[in-house]
Amino acid sequence: MSQASSGSADDRKPVLQAERVSKYFPVDRTLFRGPRLLRAVDAATLFVRPGETLGLVGESGCGKSTLGRVLLRLTEPTYGRILFEGTDITSLPQRQLRPLRRKMQLIFQDPYASLNPRMTIGDAVAEGLIVHRLAATRSELRDRVASVLDRVGLGPDSAERFPHELSAGQRQRAAIARSLAVEPCFVVCDEPVSSLDVSIQAQIVNLLLDIQETTRAAYLFISHDLRVVRHVAHRIAVMYLGRIVEVGPTDRVFAQPLHPYTRALLSAMPTADTSRRKLRLLLEGDPPDPLAPPTGCPFHPRCAMADADACRSRTPALEELERQSHHRVACWHAADTGSA
């Protein structure tokens, strides 16, 4: 059962809103030729509300992690607009952005790489509290560190230990503690369980859900594992070649995927149902070179429904087929799919 069944009211104002956000990287500059542009993120539009999880899925290299970092202004956007709690932070100077930093946090995929091996877990958790001056005295700092470690299921003795002395699951709990110590209202979870064993994955996912229930934090949950996303996300955004091609409530997207790429991703999920295995949609070929993206719909070179008219010449907009469904898709043939 997904989080979507307890879906959130649509009248709540988003914590974070992105409007046609793009990130281009110049590459292959030579003496006789200017750089080509790698469109890592291309005109992405999304929002996340308080207490809501937006799952972001797609193949490796599609731009998911880059989008997450751009939304946090850890990577500067090339175009577009980012609103955080109603404030336009797109071009906000770092001096003015710094007070907002504690409200926007990132949980990395690899906790061993993200935790400083020379710092104890207690010092790592305390670092944000010190930077943002959230503890008035040393005693208060120790109490807050102990409290957040306890909250993520780590004993008080873990504060004196170093990352290499912890198991993989304990390190991820420590990384979550460090991010949550400053009480953020928006967290980008970048593949937070992909490097863990399945049994540990369930513990970390349930921990994130328990914390969200009490703090009402908004999550952008980036993952390639659709089973995990189905469990944690209220809504899902599907990304392909830097563009969001479908977004909607989790249960609705899983029950009625409108984009052929989404259908292919869902059909590839492991299942014990032999009848579903026979209906799997196999994607032909590899994703196009992001340095030379196809004209029109970015998915058309791999799409069985593509035609020479619209698909190869015009880029479809992300639109709602059924009013008030909150289910949007960027596909010229989505109406045919939806009525099928």
C-alpha atoms as a PDB file:
ATOM      1  CA  MET A   1       0.000   0.000   0.000  1.00  0.00           C
ATOM      2  CA  SER A   2       1.475   3.331  -1.036  1.00  0.00           C
ATOM      3  CA  GLN A   3       1.603   6.596   0.817  1.00  0.00           C
ATOM      4  CA  ALA A   4      -0.686   7.946  -1.890  1.00  0.00           C
ATOM      5  CA  SER A   5      -3.698   6.393  -0.209  1.00  0.00           C
ATOM      6  CA  SER A   6      -3.303   8.917   2.582  1.00  0.00           C
ATOM      7  CA  GLY A   7      -2.840  11.667   0.002  1.00  0.00           C
ATOM      8  CA  SER A   8      -2.516  15.286   0.908  1.00  0.00           C
ATOM      9  CA  ALA A   9      -4.975  18.081   0.320  1.00  0.00           C
ATOM     10  CA  ASP A  10      -4.366  20.037  -2.863  1.00  0.00           C
ATOM     11  CA  ASP A  11      -5.034  23.427  -1.258  1.00  0.00           C
ATOM     12  CA  ARG A  12      -1.792  23.430   0.756  1.00  0.00           C
ATOM     13  CA  LYS A  13       0.867  25.818  -0.493  1.00  0.00           C
ATOM     14  CA  PRO A  14       4.022  24.081  -1.779  1.00  0.00           C
ATOM     15  CA  VAL A  15       7.179  24.185   0.304  1.00  0.00           C
ATOM     16  CA  LEU A  16       9.158  24.124  -2.916  1.00  0.00           C
ATOM     17  CA  GLN A  17       8.110  24.937  -6.466  1.00  0.00           C
ATOM     18  CA  ALA A  18      10.198  24.717  -9.645  1.00  0.00           C
ATOM     19  CA  GLU A  19       9.107  26.445 -12.836  1.00  0.00           C
ATOM     20  CA  ARG A  20      10.789  25.302 -16.070  1.00  0.00           C
ATOM     21  CA  VAL A  21      14.117  24.774 -14.298  1.00  0.00           C
ATOM     22  CA  SER A  22      17.021  23.853 -16.577  1.00  0.00           C
ATOM     23  CA  LYS A  23      20.669  23.016 -16.059  1.00  0.00           C
ATOM     24  CA  TYR A  24      23.044  22.960 -19.043  1.00  0.00           C
ATOM     25  CA  PHE A  25      26.717  22.003 -18.772  1.00  0.00           C
ATOM     26  CA  PRO A  26      29.162  23.222 -21.443  1.00  0.00           C
ATOM     27  CA  VAL A  27      31.428  20.400 -22.627  1.00  0.00           C
ATOM     28  CA  ASP A  28      33.803  19.568 -25.510  1.00  0.00           C
ATOM     29  CA  ARG A  29      35.198  23.060 -25.898  1.00  0.00           C
ATOM     30  CA  THR A  30      38.052  23.148 -28.403  1.00  0.00           C
ATOM     31  CA  LEU A  31      40.387  25.800 -29.787  1.00  0.00           C
ATOM     32  CA  PHE A  32      38.320  26.134 -32.970  1.00  0.00           C
ATOM     33  CA  ARG A  33      34.841  25.451 -31.609  1.00  0.00           C
ATOM     34  CA  GLY A  34      32.780  26.663 -28.716  1.00  0.00           C
ATOM     35  CA  PRO A  35      31.375  24.204 -26.180  1.00  0.00           C
ATOM     36  CA  ARG A  36      28.417  21.949 -26.804  1.00  0.00           C
ATOM     37  CA  LEU A  37      25.683  21.943 -24.180  1.00  0.00           C
ATOM     38  CA  LEU A  38      24.731  18.906 -22.159  1.00  0.00           C
ATOM     39  CA  ARG A  39      21.112  19.420 -21.114  1.00  0.00           C
ATOM     40  CA  ALA A  40      21.155  17.563 -17.797  1.00  0.00           C
ATOM     41  CA  VAL A  41      17.823  19.093 -16.746  1.00  0.00           C
ATOM     42  CA  ASP A  42      15.501  20.623 -19.316  1.00  0.00           C
ATOM     43  CA  ALA A  43      12.491  22.773 -18.357  1.00  0.00           C
ATOM     44  CA  ALA A  44      11.515  20.758 -15.259  1.00  0.00           C
ATOM     45  CA  THR A  45       8.357  21.908 -13.468  1.00  0.00           C
ATOM     46  CA  LEU A  46       7.299  20.385 -10.147  1.00  0.00           C
ATOM     47  CA  PHE A  47       6.217  21.177  -6.583  1.00  0.00           C
ATOM     48  CA  VAL A  48       6.242  19.483  -3.165  1.00  0.00           C
ATOM     49  CA  ARG A  49       3.829  20.261  -0.314  1.00  0.00           C
ATOM     50  CA  PRO A  50       4.360  19.988   3.464  1.00  0.00           C
ATOM     51  CA  GLY A  51       4.222  16.391   4.664  1.00  0.00           C
ATOM     52  CA  GLU A  52       4.305  15.089   1.093  1.00  0.00           C
ATOM     53  CA  THR A  53       6.766  12.850  -0.729  1.00  0.00           C
ATOM     54  CA  LEU A  54       7.329  13.336  -4.446  1.00  0.00           C
ATOM     55  CA  GLY A  55       9.092  10.349  -5.962  1.00  0.00           C
ATOM     56  CA  LEU A  56      11.441  11.110  -8.860  1.00  0.00           C
ATOM     57  CA  VAL A  57      12.211   8.089 -11.055  1.00  0.00           C
ATOM     58  CA  GLY A  58      13.974   7.330 -14.318  1.00  0.00           C
ATOM     59  CA  GLU A  59      16.964   5.528 -15.789  1.00  0.00           C
ATOM     60  CA  SER A  60      20.488   6.266 -14.578  1.00  0.00           C
ATOM     61  CA  GLY A  61      21.854   9.424 -16.150  1.00  0.00           C
ATOM     62  CA  CYS A  62      18.461  11.017 -16.824  1.00  0.00           C
ATOM     63  CA  GLY A  63      19.196  14.023 -14.573  1.00  0.00           C
ATOM     64  CA  LYS A  64      17.440  13.106 -11.310  1.00  0.00           C
ATOM     65  CA  SER A  65      20.340  13.862  -8.963  1.00  0.00           C
ATOM     66  CA  THR A  66      21.272  17.014 -10.859  1.00  0.00           C
ATOM     67  CA  LEU A  67      17.709  18.298 -10.503  1.00  0.00           C
ATOM     68  CA  GLY A  68      17.784  17.586  -6.759  1.00  0.00           C
ATOM     69  CA  ARG A  69      21.002  19.563  -6.329  1.00  0.00           C
ATOM     70  CA  VAL A  70      19.702  22.431  -8.473  1.00  0.00           C
ATOM     71  CA  LEU A  71      16.559  22.716  -6.351  1.00  0.00           C
ATOM     72  CA  LEU A  72      18.787  23.113  -3.277  1.00  0.00           C
ATOM     73  CA  ARG A  73      20.983  25.646  -5.110  1.00  0.00           C
ATOM     74  CA  LEU A  74      23.992  23.364  -4.579  1.00  0.00           C
ATOM     75  CA  THR A  75      24.244  23.497  -8.362  1.00  0.00           C
ATOM     76  CA  GLU A  76      23.251  26.761 -10.017  1.00  0.00           C
ATOM     77  CA  PRO A  77      20.335  26.591 -12.493  1.00  0.00           C
ATOM     78  CA  THR A  78      20.847  27.809 -16.056  1.00  0.00           C
ATOM     79  CA  TYR A  79      17.236  28.869 -16.580  1.00  0.00           C
ATOM     80  CA  GLY A  80      13.934  28.753 -14.729  1.00  0.00           C
ATOM     81  CA  ARG A  81      12.672  29.782 -11.317  1.00  0.00           C
ATOM     82  CA  ILE A  82      12.810  28.117  -7.879  1.00  0.00           C
ATOM     83  CA  LEU A  83      10.440  29.190  -5.108  1.00  0.00           C
ATOM     84  CA  PHE A  84      11.056  28.091  -1.521  1.00  0.00           C
ATOM     85  CA  GLU A  85       8.274  28.877   0.957  1.00  0.00           C
ATOM     86  CA  GLY A  86       7.056  31.499  -1.519  1.00  0.00           C
ATOM     87  CA  THR A  87      10.456  33.209  -1.855  1.00  0.00           C
ATOM     88  CA  ASP A  88      12.211  33.253  -5.219  1.00  0.00           C
ATOM     89  CA  ILE A  89      15.652  31.814  -4.420  1.00  0.00           C
ATOM     90  CA  THR A  90      16.801  31.366  -8.033  1.00  0.00           C
ATOM     91  CA  SER A  91      19.243  34.263  -7.980  1.00  0.00           C
ATOM     92  CA  LEU A  92      19.404  34.877  -4.248  1.00  0.00           C
ATOM     93  CA  PRO A  93      22.987  35.760  -3.153  1.00  0.00           C
ATOM     94  CA  GLN A  94      24.639  33.138  -0.938  1.00  0.00           C
ATOM     95  CA  ARG A  95      24.649  35.576   1.991  1.00  0.00           C
ATOM     96  CA  GLN A  96      20.855  35.811   1.851  1.00  0.00           C
ATOM     97  CA  LEU A  97      20.442  32.133   1.022  1.00  0.00           C
ATOM     98  CA  ARG A  98      22.480  30.963   4.037  1.00  0.00           C
ATOM     99  CA  PRO A  99      19.652  31.394   6.624  1.00  0.00           C
ATOM    100  CA  LEU A 100      17.443  29.170   4.444  1.00  0.00           C
ATOM    101  CA  ARG A 101      20.056  26.440   4.146  1.00  0.00           C
ATOM    102  CA  ARG A 102      19.060  24.730   7.375  1.00  0.00           C
ATOM    103  CA  LYS A 103      15.513  24.344   6.022  1.00  0.00           C
ATOM    104  CA  MET A 104      16.755  22.573   2.869  1.00  0.00           C
ATOM    105  CA  GLN A 105      18.779  19.406   3.381  1.00  0.00           C
ATOM    106  CA  LEU A 106      20.194  16.546   1.328  1.00  0.00           C
ATOM    107  CA  ILE A 107      20.547  12.867   2.250  1.00  0.00           C
ATOM    108  CA  PHE A 108      23.229  11.314   0.043  1.00  0.00           C
ATOM    109  CA  GLN A 109      23.229   7.891  -1.568  1.00  0.00           C
ATOM    110  CA  ASP A 110      26.522   6.816   0.024  1.00  0.00           C
ATOM    111  CA  PRO A 111      26.709   7.743   3.730  1.00  0.00           C
ATOM    112  CA  TYR A 112      30.319   6.559   4.022  1.00  0.00           C
ATOM    113  CA  ALA A 113      31.389   9.049   1.348  1.00  0.00           C
ATOM    114  CA  SER A 114      29.264  11.885   2.749  1.00  0.00           C
ATOM    115  CA  LEU A 115      30.404  11.521   6.376  1.00  0.00           C
ATOM    116  CA  ASN A 116      33.827  12.919   7.239  1.00  0.00           C
ATOM    117  CA  PRO A 117      35.911   9.876   8.313  1.00  0.00           C
ATOM    118  CA  ARG A 118      37.885  12.067  10.739  1.00  0.00           C
ATOM    119  CA  MET A 119      34.843  13.357  12.591  1.00  0.00           C
ATOM    120  CA  THR A 120      32.912  11.429  15.186  1.00  0.00           C
ATOM    121  CA  ILE A 121      29.209  10.915  14.523  1.00  0.00           C
ATOM    122  CA  GLY A 122      28.379  13.323  17.334  1.00  0.00           C
ATOM    123  CA  ASP A 123      30.575  16.050  15.819  1.00  0.00           C
ATOM    124  CA  ALA A 124      29.049  15.477  12.375  1.00  0.00           C
ATOM    125  CA  VAL A 125      25.520  15.879  13.748  1.00  0.00           C
ATOM    126  CA  ALA A 126      26.528  18.880  15.852  1.00  0.00           C
ATOM    127  CA  GLU A 127      28.154  20.694  12.925  1.00  0.00           C
ATOM    128  CA  GLY A 128      24.894  22.028  11.471  1.00  0.00           C
ATOM    129  CA  LEU A 129      23.604  23.016  14.896  1.00  0.00           C
ATOM    130  CA  ILE A 130      26.756  25.055  15.485  1.00  0.00           C
ATOM    131  CA  VAL A 131      26.765  26.688  12.039  1.00  0.00           C
ATOM    132  CA  HIS A 132      23.143  27.774  12.361  1.00  0.00           C
ATOM    133  CA  ARG A 133      23.484  28.650  16.062  1.00  0.00           C
ATOM    134  CA  LEU A 134      20.660  26.372  17.181  1.00  0.00           C
ATOM    135  CA  ALA A 135      22.193  25.545  20.565  1.00  0.00           C
ATOM    136  CA  ALA A 136      23.058  28.251  23.115  1.00  0.00           C
ATOM    137  CA  THR A 137      25.352  26.175  25.336  1.00  0.00           C
ATOM    138  CA  ARG A 138      27.567  23.088  25.120  1.00  0.00           C
ATOM    139  CA  SER A 139      25.116  21.255  27.340  1.00  0.00           C
ATOM    140  CA  GLU A 140      22.209  22.083  25.040  1.00  0.00           C
ATOM    141  CA  LEU A 141      24.281  21.016  22.024  1.00  0.00           C
ATOM    142  CA  ARG A 142      25.033  17.618  23.608  1.00  0.00           C
ATOM    143  CA  ASP A 143      21.376  17.138  24.497  1.00  0.00           C
ATOM    144  CA  ARG A 144      20.202  17.959  20.981  1.00  0.00           C
ATOM    145  CA  VAL A 145      22.756  15.620  19.409  1.00  0.00           C
ATOM    146  CA  ALA A 146      21.758  12.813  21.782  1.00  0.00           C
ATOM    147  CA  SER A 147      18.076  13.461  21.058  1.00  0.00           C
ATOM    148  CA  VAL A 148      18.400  13.291  17.274  1.00  0.00           C
ATOM    149  CA  LEU A 149      20.618  10.187  17.443  1.00  0.00           C
ATOM    150  CA  ASP A 150      18.024   8.515  19.618  1.00  0.00           C
ATOM    151  CA  ARG A 151      15.336   9.556  17.161  1.00  0.00           C
ATOM    152  CA  VAL A 152      17.035   7.671  14.328  1.00  0.00           C
ATOM    153  CA  GLY A 153      17.665   4.597  16.469  1.00  0.00           C
ATOM    154  CA  LEU A 154      21.324   5.140  17.402  1.00  0.00           C
ATOM    155  CA  GLY A 155      22.424   4.773  21.014  1.00  0.00           C
ATOM    156  CA  PRO A 156      24.224   7.535  22.940  1.00  0.00           C
ATOM    157  CA  ASP A 157      27.555   5.701  22.574  1.00  0.00           C
ATOM    158  CA  SER A 158      27.403   6.201  18.779  1.00  0.00           C
ATOM    159  CA  ALA A 159      28.207   9.908  19.244  1.00  0.00           C
ATOM    160  CA  GLU A 160      31.809   8.980  20.095  1.00  0.00           C
ATOM    161  CA  ARG A 161      32.270   6.558  17.231  1.00  0.00           C
ATOM    162  CA  PHE A 162      33.677   7.172  13.754  1.00  0.00           C
ATOM    163  CA  PRO A 163      31.889   6.263  10.490  1.00  0.00           C
ATOM    164  CA  HIS A 164      34.088   3.214   9.821  1.00  0.00           C
ATOM    165  CA  GLU A 165      33.027   1.767  13.178  1.00  0.00           C
ATOM    166  CA  LEU A 166      29.372   1.627  12.126  1.00  0.00           C
ATOM    167  CA  SER A 167      27.488  -0.753   9.871  1.00  0.00           C
ATOM    168  CA  ALA A 168      26.081   0.503   6.544  1.00  0.00           C
ATOM    169  CA  GLY A 169      22.612   0.890   8.035  1.00  0.00           C
ATOM    170  CA  GLN A 170      23.947   2.733  11.068  1.00  0.00           C
ATOM    171  CA  ARG A 171      25.942   5.093   8.839  1.00  0.00           C
ATOM    172  CA  GLN A 172      22.823   5.940   6.851  1.00  0.00           C
ATOM    173  CA  ARG A 173      20.953   6.583  10.099  1.00  0.00           C
ATOM    174  CA  ALA A 174      23.794   8.900  11.140  1.00  0.00           C
ATOM    175  CA  ALA A 175      23.577  10.721   7.800  1.00  0.00           C
ATOM    176  CA  ILE A 176      19.823  11.144   8.282  1.00  0.00           C
ATOM    177  CA  ALA A 177      20.427  12.419  11.829  1.00  0.00           C
ATOM    178  CA  ARG A 178      22.884  15.012  10.540  1.00  0.00           C
ATOM    179  CA  SER A 179      20.356  16.264   7.970  1.00  0.00           C
ATOM    180  CA  LEU A 180      17.413  16.317  10.370  1.00  0.00           C
ATOM    181  CA  ALA A 181      19.237  17.869  13.338  1.00  0.00           C
ATOM    182  CA  VAL A 182      18.642  21.368  11.923  1.00  0.00           C
ATOM    183  CA  GLU A 183      14.895  20.674  11.536  1.00  0.00           C
ATOM    184  CA  PRO A 184      14.500  21.103   7.752  1.00  0.00           C
ATOM    185  CA  CYS A 185      11.120  21.412   6.047  1.00  0.00           C
ATOM    186  CA  PHE A 186      12.369  20.148   2.657  1.00  0.00           C
ATOM    187  CA  VAL A 187      14.711  17.168   2.192  1.00  0.00           C
ATOM    188  CA  VAL A 188      16.127  15.747  -1.029  1.00  0.00           C
ATOM    189  CA  CYS A 189      16.639  12.015  -0.476  1.00  0.00           C
ATOM    190  CA  ASP A 190      19.044  11.008  -3.262  1.00  0.00           C
ATOM    191  CA  GLU A 191      18.902   7.215  -3.593  1.00  0.00           C
ATOM    192  CA  PRO A 192      19.046   6.933   0.217  1.00  0.00           C
ATOM    193  CA  VAL A 193      18.649   3.144   0.353  1.00  0.00           C
ATOM    194  CA  SER A 194      20.119   1.894  -2.943  1.00  0.00           C
ATOM    195  CA  SER A 195      23.463   0.882  -1.377  1.00  0.00           C
ATOM    196  CA  LEU A 196      21.851  -1.055   1.488  1.00  0.00           C
ATOM    197  CA  ASP A 197      20.665  -4.634   1.908  1.00  0.00           C
ATOM    198  CA  VAL A 198      16.934  -5.180   1.394  1.00  0.00           C
ATOM    199  CA  SER A 199      16.256  -5.754   5.099  1.00  0.00           C
ATOM    200  CA  ILE A 200      18.088  -2.543   6.017  1.00  0.00           C
ATOM    201  CA  GLN A 201      16.309  -0.657   3.218  1.00  0.00           C
ATOM    202  CA  ALA A 202      12.952  -1.318   4.868  1.00  0.00           C
ATOM    203  CA  GLN A 203      14.222  -0.002   8.206  1.00  0.00           C
ATOM    204  CA  ILE A 204      15.548   3.234   6.684  1.00  0.00           C
ATOM    205  CA  VAL A 205      12.416   3.813   4.601  1.00  0.00           C
ATOM    206  CA  ASN A 206      10.177   3.309   7.626  1.00  0.00           C
ATOM    207  CA  LEU A 207      12.412   5.634   9.644  1.00  0.00           C
ATOM    208  CA  LEU A 208      12.017   8.376   7.009  1.00  0.00           C
ATOM    209  CA  LEU A 209       8.249   7.913   6.988  1.00  0.00           C
ATOM    210  CA  ASP A 210       8.033   8.054  10.795  1.00  0.00           C
ATOM    211  CA  ILE A 211      10.082  11.253  10.856  1.00  0.00           C
ATOM    212  CA  GLN A 212       7.934  12.813   8.135  1.00  0.00           C
ATOM    213  CA  GLU A 213       4.764  11.981  10.056  1.00  0.00           C
ATOM    214  CA  THR A 214       5.953  13.937  13.094  1.00  0.00           C
ATOM    215  CA  THR A 215       7.805  16.814  11.375  1.00  0.00           C
ATOM    216  CA  ARG A 216       5.615  17.312   8.267  1.00  0.00           C
ATOM    217  CA  ALA A 217       8.788  17.676   6.203  1.00  0.00           C
ATOM    218  CA  ALA A 218       8.476  17.513   2.416  1.00  0.00           C
ATOM    219  CA  TYR A 219      10.606  14.911   0.631  1.00  0.00           C
ATOM    220  CA  LEU A 220      11.888  14.697  -2.924  1.00  0.00           C
ATOM    221  CA  PHE A 221      12.676  10.972  -3.012  1.00  0.00           C
ATOM    222  CA  ILE A 222      15.014  10.127  -5.897  1.00  0.00           C
ATOM    223  CA  SER A 223      15.248   6.453  -6.783  1.00  0.00           C
ATOM    224  CA  HIS A 224      15.387   3.956  -9.623  1.00  0.00           C
ATOM    225  CA  ASP A 225      13.590   1.348  -7.474  1.00  0.00           C
ATOM    226  CA  LEU A 226       9.901   1.666  -8.278  1.00  0.00           C
ATOM    227  CA  ARG A 227       8.895  -0.719  -5.494  1.00  0.00           C
ATOM    228  CA  VAL A 228      10.382   1.580  -2.876  1.00  0.00           C
ATOM    229  CA  VAL A 229       8.926   4.688  -4.529  1.00  0.00           C
ATOM    230  CA  ARG A 230       5.474   3.123  -4.636  1.00  0.00           C
ATOM    231  CA  HIS A 231       5.670   2.586  -0.890  1.00  0.00           C
ATOM    232  CA  VAL A 232       6.904   6.034   0.125  1.00  0.00           C
ATOM    233  CA  ALA A 233       5.583   8.516  -2.454  1.00  0.00           C
ATOM    234  CA  HIS A 234       2.276  10.377  -2.555  1.00  0.00           C
ATOM    235  CA  ARG A 235       3.029  11.479  -6.120  1.00  0.00           C
ATOM    236  CA  ILE A 236       5.500  10.344  -8.788  1.00  0.00           C
ATOM    237  CA  ALA A 237       7.412  12.309 -11.425  1.00  0.00           C
ATOM    238  CA  VAL A 238       8.984  10.334 -14.264  1.00  0.00           C
ATOM    239  CA  MET A 239      12.117  11.785 -15.863  1.00  0.00           C
ATOM    240  CA  TYR A 240      13.618  10.984 -19.245  1.00  0.00           C
ATOM    241  CA  LEU A 241      16.645  12.668 -20.834  1.00  0.00           C
ATOM    242  CA  GLY A 242      16.420  15.640 -18.480  1.00  0.00           C
ATOM    243  CA  ARG A 243      12.693  16.219 -18.962  1.00  0.00           C
ATOM    244  CA  ILE A 244       9.731  15.291 -16.756  1.00  0.00           C
ATOM    245  CA  VAL A 245       7.433  13.284 -19.009  1.00  0.00           C
ATOM    246  CA  GLU A 246       4.724  12.269 -16.514  1.00  0.00           C
ATOM    247  CA  VAL A 247       3.666  13.271 -13.008  1.00  0.00           C
ATOM    248  CA  GLY A 248       0.671  12.309 -10.911  1.00  0.00           C
ATOM    249  CA  PRO A 249      -0.678  10.595  -7.786  1.00  0.00           C
ATOM    250  CA  THR A 250       1.205   7.364  -7.130  1.00  0.00           C
ATOM    251  CA  ASP A 251      -1.762   4.996  -7.237  1.00  0.00           C
ATOM    252  CA  ARG A 252      -3.053   6.586 -10.433  1.00  0.00           C
ATOM    253  CA  VAL A 253       0.304   6.475 -12.244  1.00  0.00           C
ATOM    254  CA  PHE A 254       0.793   2.818 -11.326  1.00  0.00           C
ATOM    255  CA  ALA A 255      -2.770   1.904 -12.306  1.00  0.00           C
ATOM    256  CA  GLN A 256      -2.920   3.952 -15.518  1.00  0.00           C
ATOM    257  CA  PRO A 257       0.494   5.072 -16.800  1.00  0.00           C
ATOM    258  CA  LEU A 258      -0.014   7.406 -19.750  1.00  0.00           C
ATOM    259  CA  HIS A 259       3.507   7.794 -21.142  1.00  0.00           C
ATOM    260  CA  PRO A 260       5.038   4.834 -23.032  1.00  0.00           C
ATOM    261  CA  TYR A 261       8.279   5.293 -21.082  1.00  0.00           C
ATOM    262  CA  THR A 262       6.415   5.060 -17.770  1.00  0.00           C
ATOM    263  CA  ARG A 263       4.645   1.913 -18.979  1.00  0.00           C
ATOM    264  CA  ALA A 264       7.987   0.357 -19.906  1.00  0.00           C
ATOM    265  CA  LEU A 265       9.476   1.183 -16.484  1.00  0.00           C
ATOM    266  CA  LEU A 266       6.492  -0.289 -14.645  1.00  0.00           C
ATOM    267  CA  SER A 267       6.385  -3.408 -16.791  1.00  0.00           C
ATOM    268  CA  ALA A 268      10.036  -4.087 -15.913  1.00  0.00           C
ATOM    269  CA  MET A 269       9.268  -4.317 -12.180  1.00  0.00           C
ATOM    270  CA  PRO A 270       9.909  -7.808 -10.748  1.00  0.00           C
ATOM    271  CA  THR A 271       6.680  -9.754 -10.289  1.00  0.00           C
ATOM    272  CA  ALA A 272       5.561 -13.270  -9.421  1.00  0.00           C
ATOM    273  CA  ASP A 273       2.577 -12.884 -11.786  1.00  0.00           C
ATOM    274  CA  THR A 274       3.498 -14.880 -14.920  1.00  0.00           C
ATOM    275  CA  SER A 275       0.717 -13.210 -16.944  1.00  0.00           C
ATOM    276  CA  ARG A 276       2.283  -9.800 -16.291  1.00  0.00           C
ATOM    277  CA  ARG A 277       5.700 -11.060 -17.376  1.00  0.00           C
ATOM    278  CA  LYS A 278       4.304 -11.830 -20.837  1.00  0.00           C
ATOM    279  CA  LEU A 279       3.019  -8.245 -21.147  1.00  0.00           C
ATOM    280  CA  ARG A 280       6.365  -6.597 -20.489  1.00  0.00           C
ATOM    281  CA  LEU A 281       7.293  -3.721 -22.793  1.00  0.00           C
ATOM    282  CA  LEU A 282      10.925  -3.856 -23.837  1.00  0.00           C
ATOM    283  CA  LEU A 283      12.617  -0.581 -24.684  1.00  0.00           C
ATOM    284  CA  GLU A 284      14.525  -0.676 -27.938  1.00  0.00           C
ATOM    285  CA  GLY A 285      18.019   0.792 -28.009  1.00  0.00           C
ATOM    286  CA  ASP A 286      19.777   3.089 -25.536  1.00  0.00           C
ATOM    287  CA  PRO A 287      18.836   6.587 -24.391  1.00  0.00           C
ATOM    288  CA  PRO A 288      19.946   9.243 -26.923  1.00  0.00           C
ATOM    289  CA  ASP A 289      23.166  11.185 -26.454  1.00  0.00           C
ATOM    290  CA  PRO A 290      22.281  14.151 -24.201  1.00  0.00           C
ATOM    291  CA  LEU A 291      24.799  16.219 -26.177  1.00  0.00           C
ATOM    292  CA  ALA A 292      22.742  15.610 -29.317  1.00  0.00           C
ATOM    293  CA  PRO A 293      19.134  15.129 -28.158  1.00  0.00           C
ATOM    294  CA  PRO A 294      16.536  14.237 -30.787  1.00  0.00           C
ATOM    295  CA  THR A 295      14.175  16.877 -32.106  1.00  0.00           C
ATOM    296  CA  GLY A 296      10.564  16.766 -31.003  1.00  0.00           C
ATOM    297  CA  CYS A 297       9.683  14.314 -28.250  1.00  0.00           C
ATOM    298  CA  PRO A 298      12.910  13.109 -26.582  1.00  0.00           C
ATOM    299  CA  PHE A 299      11.516   9.576 -26.329  1.00  0.00           C
ATOM    300  CA  HIS A 300      10.490   9.142 -29.976  1.00  0.00           C
ATOM    301  CA  PRO A 301      13.603   7.155 -31.113  1.00  0.00           C
ATOM    302  CA  ARG A 302      12.613   4.365 -28.684  1.00  0.00           C
ATOM    303  CA  CYS A 303       8.835   4.671 -28.897  1.00  0.00           C
ATOM    304  CA  ALA A 304       6.670   2.227 -30.858  1.00  0.00           C
ATOM    305  CA  MET A 305       3.897   4.840 -31.101  1.00  0.00           C
ATOM    306  CA  ALA A 306       6.064   7.605 -32.586  1.00  0.00           C
ATOM    307  CA  ASP A 307       4.955   9.187 -35.858  1.00  0.00           C
ATOM    308  CA  ALA A 308       6.829  11.350 -38.341  1.00  0.00           C
ATOM    309  CA  ASP A 309       4.574  14.347 -37.898  1.00  0.00           C
ATOM    310  CA  ALA A 310       4.246  15.502 -34.269  1.00  0.00           C
ATOM    311  CA  CYS A 311       6.581  13.164 -32.380  1.00  0.00           C
ATOM    312  CA  ARG A 312       9.679  13.848 -34.463  1.00  0.00           C
ATOM    313  CA  SER A 313       9.162  17.579 -34.910  1.00  0.00           C
ATOM    314  CA  ARG A 314       7.404  19.057 -31.866  1.00  0.00           C
ATOM    315  CA  THR A 315       8.101  18.686 -28.144  1.00  0.00           C
ATOM    316  CA  PRO A 316       4.900  17.858 -26.227  1.00  0.00           C
ATOM    317  CA  ALA A 317       3.991  19.942 -23.176  1.00  0.00           C
ATOM    318  CA  LEU A 318       3.250  18.431 -19.757  1.00  0.00           C
ATOM    319  CA  GLU A 319      -0.551  18.603 -19.702  1.00  0.00           C
ATOM    320  CA  GLU A 320      -3.498  17.230 -17.770  1.00  0.00           C
ATOM    321  CA  LEU A 321      -5.742  15.045 -19.911  1.00  0.00           C
ATOM    322  CA  GLU A 322      -8.538  14.708 -17.362  1.00  0.00           C
ATOM    323  CA  ARG A 323      -9.422  17.855 -15.455  1.00  0.00           C
ATOM    324  CA  GLN A 324      -8.762  17.799 -11.697  1.00  0.00           C
ATOM    325  CA  SER A 325      -6.969  14.432 -11.992  1.00  0.00           C
ATOM    326  CA  HIS A 326      -3.595  16.052 -11.107  1.00  0.00           C
ATOM    327  CA  HIS A 327      -2.118  13.557 -13.580  1.00  0.00           C
ATOM    328  CA  ARG A 328      -0.023  15.213 -16.301  1.00  0.00           C
ATOM    329  CA  VAL A 329       1.842  13.723 -19.237  1.00  0.00           C
ATOM    330  CA  ALA A 330       4.009  14.985 -22.097  1.00  0.00           C
ATOM    331  CA  CYS A 331       3.036  12.735 -25.002  1.00  0.00           C
ATOM    332  CA  TRP A 332       1.253  13.339 -28.299  1.00  0.00           C
ATOM    333  CA  HIS A 333      -0.482   9.946 -28.065  1.00  0.00           C
ATOM    334  CA  ALA A 334      -1.404   9.992 -24.368  1.00  0.00           C
ATOM    335  CA  ALA A 335      -5.118  10.424 -25.166  1.00  0.00           C
ATOM    336  CA  ASP A 336      -5.020   7.155 -27.117  1.00  0.00           C
ATOM    337  CA  THR A 337      -3.281   5.443 -24.209  1.00  0.00           C
ATOM    338  CA  GLY A 338      -5.710   6.826 -21.637  1.00  0.00           C
ATOM    339  CA  SER A 339      -8.744   5.599 -23.525  1.00  0.00           C
ATOM    340  CA  ALA A 340      -7.252   2.189 -24.250  1.00  0.00           C
END
